[in-house]
Amino acid sequence: EKMAFENKCKVLRLDTIILNQKSQAMYKK
């Protein structure tokens, strides 16, 4: 996220498969 701010980006994006509940919980948090 800090890299995004430094590069004046407006948004972070990623993808994961629907089964990856553990990562989804962290991303939501």
PDB file of all heavy atoms in Angstrom:
ATOM      1  N   GLU A   1       0.824  -1.206   0.000  1.00  0.00           N
ATOM      2  CA  GLU A   1       0.000   0.000   0.000  1.00  0.00           C
ATOM      3  C   GLU A   1       0.862   1.263   0.000  1.00  0.00           C
ATOM      4  O   GLU A   1       0.573   2.235  -0.709  1.00  0.00           O
ATOM      5  CB  GLU A   1      -0.944  -0.005   1.200  1.00  0.00           C
ATOM      6  CG  GLU A   1      -1.945   1.111   1.170  1.00  0.00           C
ATOM      7  CD  GLU A   1      -3.067   0.943   2.184  1.00  0.00           C
ATOM      8  OE1 GLU A   1      -3.372  -0.193   2.594  1.00  0.00           O
ATOM      9  OE2 GLU A   1      -3.654   1.980   2.563  1.00  0.00           O
ATOM     10  N   LYS A   2       1.941   1.253   0.755  1.00  0.00           N
ATOM     11  CA  LYS A   2       2.851   2.399   0.789  1.00  0.00           C
ATOM     12  C   LYS A   2       3.444   2.648  -0.599  1.00  0.00           C
ATOM     13  O   LYS A   2       3.564   3.801  -1.039  1.00  0.00           O
ATOM     14  CB  LYS A   2       3.966   2.150   1.814  1.00  0.00           C
ATOM     15  CG  LYS A   2       4.928   3.298   1.959  1.00  0.00           C
ATOM     16  CD  LYS A   2       5.999   2.985   2.993  1.00  0.00           C
ATOM     17  CE  LYS A   2       6.985   4.132   3.047  1.00  0.00           C
ATOM     18  NZ  LYS A   2       8.221   3.755   3.687  1.00  0.00           N
ATOM     19  N   MET A   3       3.803   1.580  -1.301  1.00  0.00           N
ATOM     20  CA  MET A   3       4.317   1.719  -2.670  1.00  0.00           C
ATOM     21  C   MET A   3       3.287   2.400  -3.563  1.00  0.00           C
ATOM     22  O   MET A   3       3.634   3.238  -4.398  1.00  0.00           O
ATOM     23  CB  MET A   3       4.650   0.334  -3.268  1.00  0.00           C
ATOM     24  CG  MET A   3       5.916  -0.271  -2.777  1.00  0.00           C
ATOM     25  SD  MET A   3       6.175  -1.924  -3.482  1.00  0.00           S
ATOM     26  CE  MET A   3       6.317  -1.547  -5.222  1.00  0.00           C
ATOM     27  N   ALA A   4       2.034   2.034  -3.397  1.00  0.00           N
ATOM     28  CA  ALA A   4       0.963   2.625  -4.207  1.00  0.00           C
ATOM     29  C   ALA A   4       0.875   4.128  -3.953  1.00  0.00           C
ATOM     30  O   ALA A   4       0.763   4.919  -4.892  1.00  0.00           O
ATOM     31  CB  ALA A   4      -0.367   1.943  -3.909  1.00  0.00           C
ATOM     32  N   PHE A   5       0.933   4.525  -2.687  1.00  0.00           N
ATOM     33  CA  PHE A   5       0.896   5.959  -2.357  1.00  0.00           C
ATOM     34  C   PHE A   5       2.100   6.686  -2.970  1.00  0.00           C
ATOM     35  O   PHE A   5       1.963   7.760  -3.540  1.00  0.00           O
ATOM     36  CB  PHE A   5       0.856   6.181  -0.846  1.00  0.00           C
ATOM     37  CG  PHE A   5      -0.512   6.029  -0.257  1.00  0.00           C
ATOM     38  CD1 PHE A   5      -0.778   4.993   0.624  1.00  0.00           C
ATOM     39  CD2 PHE A   5      -1.542   6.913  -0.575  1.00  0.00           C
ATOM     40  CE1 PHE A   5      -2.041   4.840   1.179  1.00  0.00           C
ATOM     41  CE2 PHE A   5      -2.805   6.766  -0.029  1.00  0.00           C
ATOM     42  CZ  PHE A   5      -3.058   5.733   0.850  1.00  0.00           C
ATOM     43  N   GLU A   6       3.279   6.070  -2.842  1.00  0.00           N
ATOM     44  CA  GLU A   6       4.494   6.687  -3.382  1.00  0.00           C
ATOM     45  C   GLU A   6       4.419   6.857  -4.898  1.00  0.00           C
ATOM     46  O   GLU A   6       5.003   7.778  -5.463  1.00  0.00           O
ATOM     47  CB  GLU A   6       5.724   5.862  -3.000  1.00  0.00           C
ATOM     48  CG  GLU A   6       6.050   5.948  -1.526  1.00  0.00           C
ATOM     49  CD  GLU A   6       7.102   4.955  -1.077  1.00  0.00           C
ATOM     50  OE1 GLU A   6       7.522   4.084  -1.882  1.00  0.00           O
ATOM     51  OE2 GLU A   6       7.496   5.021   0.105  1.00  0.00           O
ATOM     52  N   ASN A   7       3.709   5.939  -5.569  1.00  0.00           N
ATOM     53  CA  ASN A   7       3.566   5.991  -7.022  1.00  0.00           C
ATOM     54  C   ASN A   7       2.287   6.701  -7.458  1.00  0.00           C
ATOM     55  O   ASN A   7       1.908   6.644  -8.625  1.00  0.00           O
ATOM     56  CB  ASN A   7       3.616   4.572  -7.603  1.00  0.00           C
ATOM     57  CG  ASN A   7       5.009   4.001  -7.510  1.00  0.00           C
ATOM     58  OD1 ASN A   7       5.925   4.480  -8.156  1.00  0.00           O
ATOM     59  ND2 ASN A   7       5.179   2.982  -6.687  1.00  0.00           N
ATOM     60  N   LYS A   8       1.621   7.336  -6.495  1.00  0.00           N
ATOM     61  CA  LYS A   8       0.398   8.102  -6.744  1.00  0.00           C
ATOM     62  C   LYS A   8      -0.715   7.264  -7.394  1.00  0.00           C
ATOM     63  O   LYS A   8      -1.494   7.755  -8.211  1.00  0.00           O
ATOM     64  CB  LYS A   8       0.700   9.344  -7.577  1.00  0.00           C
ATOM     65  CG  LYS A   8       1.641  10.308  -6.865  1.00  0.00           C
ATOM     66  CD  LYS A   8       1.910  11.528  -7.685  1.00  0.00           C
ATOM     67  CE  LYS A   8       2.805  12.550  -7.042  1.00  0.00           C
ATOM     68  NZ  LYS A   8       3.746  12.219  -6.077  1.00  0.00           N
ATOM     69  N   CYS A   9      -0.760   5.985  -7.025  1.00  0.00           N
ATOM     70  CA  CYS A   9      -1.822   5.107  -7.514  1.00  0.00           C
ATOM     71  C   CYS A   9      -3.117   5.396  -6.756  1.00  0.00           C
ATOM     72  O   CYS A   9      -3.087   5.876  -5.621  1.00  0.00           O
ATOM     73  CB  CYS A   9      -1.437   3.637  -7.326  1.00  0.00           C
ATOM     74  SG  CYS A   9      -0.048   3.138  -8.365  1.00  0.00           S
ATOM     75  N   LYS A  10      -4.222   5.107  -7.378  1.00  0.00           N
ATOM     76  CA  LYS A  10      -5.528   5.351  -6.779  1.00  0.00           C
ATOM     77  C   LYS A  10      -6.155   4.094  -6.189  1.00  0.00           C
ATOM     78  O   LYS A  10      -7.092   4.172  -5.402  1.00  0.00           O
ATOM     79  CB  LYS A  10      -6.478   5.928  -7.830  1.00  0.00           C
ATOM     80  CG  LYS A  10      -6.047   7.277  -8.344  1.00  0.00           C
ATOM     81  CD  LYS A  10      -6.971   7.772  -9.427  1.00  0.00           C
ATOM     82  CE  LYS A  10      -6.475   9.112  -9.951  1.00  0.00           C
ATOM     83  NZ  LYS A  10      -7.227   9.543 -11.111  1.00  0.00           N
ATOM     84  N   VAL A  11      -5.628   2.935  -6.575  1.00  0.00           N
ATOM     85  CA  VAL A  11      -6.290   1.700  -6.171  1.00  0.00           C
ATOM     86  C   VAL A  11      -5.298   0.534  -6.127  1.00  0.00           C
ATOM     87  O   VAL A  11      -4.337   0.490  -6.894  1.00  0.00           O
ATOM     88  CB  VAL A  11      -7.474   1.397  -7.136  1.00  0.00           C
ATOM     89  CG1 VAL A  11      -6.987   1.107  -8.541  1.00  0.00           C
ATOM     90  CG2 VAL A  11      -8.347   0.281  -6.643  1.00  0.00           C
ATOM     91  N   LEU A  12      -5.551  -0.381  -5.184  1.00  0.00           N
ATOM     92  CA  LEU A  12      -4.839  -1.660  -5.104  1.00  0.00           C
ATOM     93  C   LEU A  12      -5.781  -2.733  -5.631  1.00  0.00           C
ATOM     94  O   LEU A  12      -6.975  -2.713  -5.312  1.00  0.00           O
ATOM     95  CB  LEU A  12      -4.489  -1.995  -3.649  1.00  0.00           C
ATOM     96  CG  LEU A  12      -3.584  -1.036  -2.900  1.00  0.00           C
ATOM     97  CD1 LEU A  12      -3.485  -1.459  -1.437  1.00  0.00           C
ATOM     98  CD2 LEU A  12      -2.210  -0.973  -3.528  1.00  0.00           C
ATOM     99  N   ARG A  13      -5.256  -3.672  -6.390  1.00  0.00           N
ATOM    100  CA  ARG A  13      -6.067  -4.781  -6.889  1.00  0.00           C
ATOM    101  C   ARG A  13      -5.303  -6.084  -6.769  1.00  0.00           C
ATOM    102  O   ARG A  13      -4.081  -6.135  -6.856  1.00  0.00           O
ATOM    103  CB  ARG A  13      -6.460  -4.554  -8.359  1.00  0.00           C
ATOM    104  CG  ARG A  13      -7.478  -3.453  -8.521  1.00  0.00           C
ATOM    105  CD  ARG A  13      -7.946  -3.297  -9.932  1.00  0.00           C
ATOM    106  NE  ARG A  13      -8.965  -2.236  -9.991  1.00  0.00           N
ATOM    107  CZ  ARG A  13      -9.277  -1.573 -11.083  1.00  0.00           C
ATOM    108  NH1 ARG A  13      -8.684  -1.865 -12.228  1.00  0.00           N
ATOM    109  NH2 ARG A  13     -10.201  -0.632 -11.046  1.00  0.00           N
ATOM    110  N   LEU A  14      -6.089  -7.128  -6.574  1.00  0.00           N
ATOM    111  CA  LEU A  14      -5.545  -8.479  -6.554  1.00  0.00           C
ATOM    112  C   LEU A  14      -6.689  -9.442  -6.806  1.00  0.00           C
ATOM    113  O   LEU A  14      -7.852  -9.047  -6.847  1.00  0.00           O
ATOM    114  CB  LEU A  14      -4.840  -8.770  -5.225  1.00  0.00           C
ATOM    115  CG  LEU A  14      -5.633  -8.577  -3.931  1.00  0.00           C
ATOM    116  CD1 LEU A  14      -6.338  -9.850  -3.528  1.00  0.00           C
ATOM    117  CD2 LEU A  14      -4.687  -8.144  -2.829  1.00  0.00           C
ATOM    118  N   ASP A  15      -6.334 -10.690  -6.987  1.00  0.00           N
ATOM    119  CA  ASP A  15      -7.367 -11.712  -7.115  1.00  0.00           C
ATOM    120  C   ASP A  15      -6.938 -12.943  -6.344  1.00  0.00           C
ATOM    121  O   ASP A  15      -5.764 -13.110  -6.028  1.00  0.00           O
ATOM    122  CB  ASP A  15      -7.633 -12.065  -8.593  1.00  0.00           C
ATOM    123  CG  ASP A  15      -6.434 -12.719  -9.262  1.00  0.00           C
ATOM    124  OD1 ASP A  15      -6.288 -13.953  -9.150  1.00  0.00           O
ATOM    125  OD2 ASP A  15      -5.643 -11.997  -9.906  1.00  0.00           O
ATOM    126  N   THR A  16      -7.904 -13.757  -6.034  1.00  0.00           N
ATOM    127  CA  THR A  16      -7.648 -15.028  -5.366  1.00  0.00           C
ATOM    128  C   THR A  16      -8.763 -15.981  -5.764  1.00  0.00           C
ATOM    129  O   THR A  16      -9.806 -15.538  -6.230  1.00  0.00           O
ATOM    130  CB  THR A  16      -7.576 -14.857  -3.829  1.00  0.00           C
ATOM    131  OG1 THR A  16      -7.177 -16.095  -3.245  1.00  0.00           O
ATOM    132  CG2 THR A  16      -8.899 -14.409  -3.248  1.00  0.00           C
ATOM    133  N   ILE A  17      -8.510 -17.274  -5.604  1.00  0.00           N
ATOM    134  CA  ILE A  17      -9.608 -18.181  -5.912  1.00  0.00           C
ATOM    135  C   ILE A  17     -10.561 -18.225  -4.725  1.00  0.00           C
ATOM    136  O   ILE A  17     -10.189 -17.931  -3.592  1.00  0.00           O
ATOM    137  CB  ILE A  17      -9.143 -19.599  -6.345  1.00  0.00           C
ATOM    138  CG1 ILE A  17      -8.482 -20.364  -5.231  1.00  0.00           C
ATOM    139  CG2 ILE A  17      -8.247 -19.524  -7.561  1.00  0.00           C
ATOM    140  CD1 ILE A  17      -8.271 -21.838  -5.555  1.00  0.00           C
ATOM    141  N   ILE A  18     -11.787 -18.571  -5.015  1.00  0.00           N
ATOM    142  CA  ILE A  18     -12.860 -18.511  -4.019  1.00  0.00           C
ATOM    143  C   ILE A  18     -12.578 -19.401  -2.804  1.00  0.00           C
ATOM    144  O   ILE A  18     -13.044 -19.119  -1.702  1.00  0.00           O
ATOM    145  CB  ILE A  18     -14.222 -18.830  -4.672  1.00  0.00           C
ATOM    146  CG1 ILE A  18     -15.358 -18.290  -3.803  1.00  0.00           C
ATOM    147  CG2 ILE A  18     -14.355 -20.299  -4.988  1.00  0.00           C
ATOM    148  CD1 ILE A  18     -16.683 -18.214  -4.518  1.00  0.00           C
ATOM    149  N   LEU A  19     -11.782 -20.456  -2.981  1.00  0.00           N
ATOM    150  CA  LEU A  19     -11.467 -21.367  -1.878  1.00  0.00           C
ATOM    151  C   LEU A  19     -10.518 -20.758  -0.842  1.00  0.00           C
ATOM    152  O   LEU A  19     -10.404 -21.266   0.265  1.00  0.00           O
ATOM    153  CB  LEU A  19     -10.825 -22.652  -2.417  1.00  0.00           C
ATOM    154  CG  LEU A  19     -11.672 -23.502  -3.356  1.00  0.00           C
ATOM    155  CD1 LEU A  19     -10.847 -24.655  -3.917  1.00  0.00           C
ATOM    156  CD2 LEU A  19     -12.904 -24.022  -2.635  1.00  0.00           C
ATOM    157  N   ASN A  20      -9.835 -19.691  -1.198  1.00  0.00           N
ATOM    158  CA  ASN A  20      -8.805 -19.123  -0.333  1.00  0.00           C
ATOM    159  C   ASN A  20      -9.417 -18.216   0.741  1.00  0.00           C
ATOM    160  O   ASN A  20      -9.215 -17.005   0.766  1.00  0.00           O
ATOM    161  CB  ASN A  20      -7.769 -18.370  -1.164  1.00  0.00           C
ATOM    162  CG  ASN A  20      -6.504 -18.117  -0.390  1.00  0.00           C
ATOM    163  OD1 ASN A  20      -6.476 -18.164   0.829  1.00  0.00           O
ATOM    164  ND2 ASN A  20      -5.444 -17.824  -1.116  1.00  0.00           N
ATOM    165  N   GLN A  21     -10.150 -18.830   1.637  1.00  0.00           N
ATOM    166  CA  GLN A  21     -10.851 -18.112   2.701  1.00  0.00           C
ATOM    167  C   GLN A  21      -9.897 -17.385   3.653  1.00  0.00           C
ATOM    168  O   GLN A  21     -10.193 -16.296   4.136  1.00  0.00           O
ATOM    169  CB  GLN A  21     -11.714 -19.093   3.501  1.00  0.00           C
ATOM    170  CG  GLN A  21     -12.727 -19.842   2.670  1.00  0.00           C
ATOM    171  CD  GLN A  21     -13.926 -18.997   2.335  1.00  0.00           C
ATOM    172  OE1 GLN A  21     -14.441 -18.303   3.194  1.00  0.00           O
ATOM    173  NE2 GLN A  21     -14.374 -19.035   1.101  1.00  0.00           N
ATOM    174  N   LYS A  22      -8.754 -17.999   3.929  1.00  0.00           N
ATOM    175  CA  LYS A  22      -7.791 -17.424   4.862  1.00  0.00           C
ATOM    176  C   LYS A  22      -7.279 -16.068   4.362  1.00  0.00           C
ATOM    177  O   LYS A  22      -7.285 -15.088   5.095  1.00  0.00           O
ATOM    178  CB  LYS A  22      -6.634 -18.422   5.038  1.00  0.00           C
ATOM    179  CG  LYS A  22      -5.850 -18.279   6.308  1.00  0.00           C
ATOM    180  CD  LYS A  22      -5.067 -19.522   6.628  1.00  0.00           C
ATOM    181  CE  LYS A  22      -3.747 -19.534   5.926  1.00  0.00           C
ATOM    182  NZ  LYS A  22      -2.836 -20.565   6.373  1.00  0.00           N
ATOM    183  N   SER A  23      -6.863 -16.033   3.108  1.00  0.00           N
ATOM    184  CA  SER A  23      -6.373 -14.770   2.554  1.00  0.00           C
ATOM    185  C   SER A  23      -7.490 -13.749   2.432  1.00  0.00           C
ATOM    186  O   SER A  23      -7.294 -12.565   2.717  1.00  0.00           O
ATOM    187  CB  SER A  23      -5.730 -14.998   1.183  1.00  0.00           C
ATOM    188  OG  SER A  23      -4.537 -15.712   1.332  1.00  0.00           O
ATOM    189  N   GLN A  24      -8.673 -14.197   2.026  1.00  0.00           N
ATOM    190  CA  GLN A  24      -9.798 -13.274   1.894  1.00  0.00           C
ATOM    191  C   GLN A  24     -10.102 -12.586   3.224  1.00  0.00           C
ATOM    192  O   GLN A  24     -10.402 -11.390   3.249  1.00  0.00           O
ATOM    193  CB  GLN A  24     -11.035 -14.012   1.389  1.00  0.00           C
ATOM    194  CG  GLN A  24     -10.927 -14.447  -0.057  1.00  0.00           C
ATOM    195  CD  GLN A  24     -12.046 -15.389  -0.423  1.00  0.00           C
ATOM    196  OE1 GLN A  24     -13.200 -15.129  -0.130  1.00  0.00           O
ATOM    197  NE2 GLN A  24     -11.701 -16.500  -1.062  1.00  0.00           N
ATOM    198  N   ALA A  25     -10.013 -13.322   4.307  1.00  0.00           N
ATOM    199  CA  ALA A  25     -10.268 -12.735   5.631  1.00  0.00           C
ATOM    200  C   ALA A  25      -9.244 -11.640   5.939  1.00  0.00           C
ATOM    201  O   ALA A  25      -9.599 -10.573   6.452  1.00  0.00           O
ATOM    202  CB  ALA A  25     -10.248 -13.819   6.707  1.00  0.00           C
ATOM    203  N   MET A  26      -7.976 -11.902   5.616  1.00  0.00           N
ATOM    204  CA  MET A  26      -6.942 -10.896   5.862  1.00  0.00           C
ATOM    205  C   MET A  26      -7.180  -9.672   4.982  1.00  0.00           C
ATOM    206  O   MET A  26      -7.111  -8.536   5.456  1.00  0.00           O
ATOM    207  CB  MET A  26      -5.540 -11.451   5.590  1.00  0.00           C
ATOM    208  CG  MET A  26      -4.455 -10.403   5.846  1.00  0.00           C
ATOM    209  SD  MET A  26      -2.780 -10.924   5.438  1.00  0.00           S
ATOM    210  CE  MET A  26      -2.825 -10.886   3.647  1.00  0.00           C
ATOM    211  N   TYR A  27      -7.474  -9.886   3.694  1.00  0.00           N
ATOM    212  CA  TYR A  27      -7.687  -8.752   2.787  1.00  0.00           C
ATOM    213  C   TYR A  27      -8.869  -7.896   3.256  1.00  0.00           C
ATOM    214  O   TYR A  27      -8.797  -6.674   3.235  1.00  0.00           O
ATOM    215  CB  TYR A  27      -7.904  -9.228   1.353  1.00  0.00           C
ATOM    216  CG  TYR A  27      -6.735 -10.000   0.776  1.00  0.00           C
ATOM    217  CD1 TYR A  27      -6.938 -11.108  -0.035  1.00  0.00           C
ATOM    218  CD2 TYR A  27      -5.420  -9.631   1.029  1.00  0.00           C
ATOM    219  CE1 TYR A  27      -5.874 -11.822  -0.575  1.00  0.00           C
ATOM    220  CE2 TYR A  27      -4.350 -10.336   0.504  1.00  0.00           C
ATOM    221  CZ  TYR A  27      -4.585 -11.429  -0.296  1.00  0.00           C
ATOM    222  OH  TYR A  27      -3.532 -12.130  -0.826  1.00  0.00           O
ATOM    223  N   LYS A  28      -9.930  -8.540   3.697  1.00  0.00           N
ATOM    224  CA  LYS A  28     -11.100  -7.806   4.184  1.00  0.00           C
ATOM    225  C   LYS A  28     -10.712  -6.967   5.405  1.00  0.00           C
ATOM    226  O   LYS A  28     -11.078  -5.796   5.514  1.00  0.00           O
ATOM    227  CB  LYS A  28     -12.235  -8.767   4.527  1.00  0.00           C
ATOM    228  CG  LYS A  28     -13.499  -8.073   4.982  1.00  0.00           C
ATOM    229  CD  LYS A  28     -14.624  -9.048   5.245  1.00  0.00           C
ATOM    230  CE  LYS A  28     -15.866  -8.295   5.672  1.00  0.00           C
ATOM    231  NZ  LYS A  28     -16.987  -9.173   5.919  1.00  0.00           N
ATOM    232  N   LYS A  29      -9.960  -7.565   6.320  1.00  0.00           N
ATOM    233  CA  LYS A  29      -9.507  -6.865   7.523  1.00  0.00           C
ATOM    234  C   LYS A  29      -8.657  -5.641   7.168  1.00  0.00           C
ATOM    235  O   LYS A  29      -8.667  -4.646   7.878  1.00  0.00           O
ATOM    236  CB  LYS A  29      -8.702  -7.845   8.389  1.00  0.00           C
ATOM    237  CG  LYS A  29      -8.219  -7.297   9.696  1.00  0.00           C
ATOM    238  CD  LYS A  29      -7.499  -8.387  10.472  1.00  0.00           C
ATOM    239  CE  LYS A  29      -6.903  -7.852  11.750  1.00  0.00           C
ATOM    240  NZ  LYS A  29      -6.142  -8.873  12.465  1.00  0.00           N
TER     241      LYS A  29
END
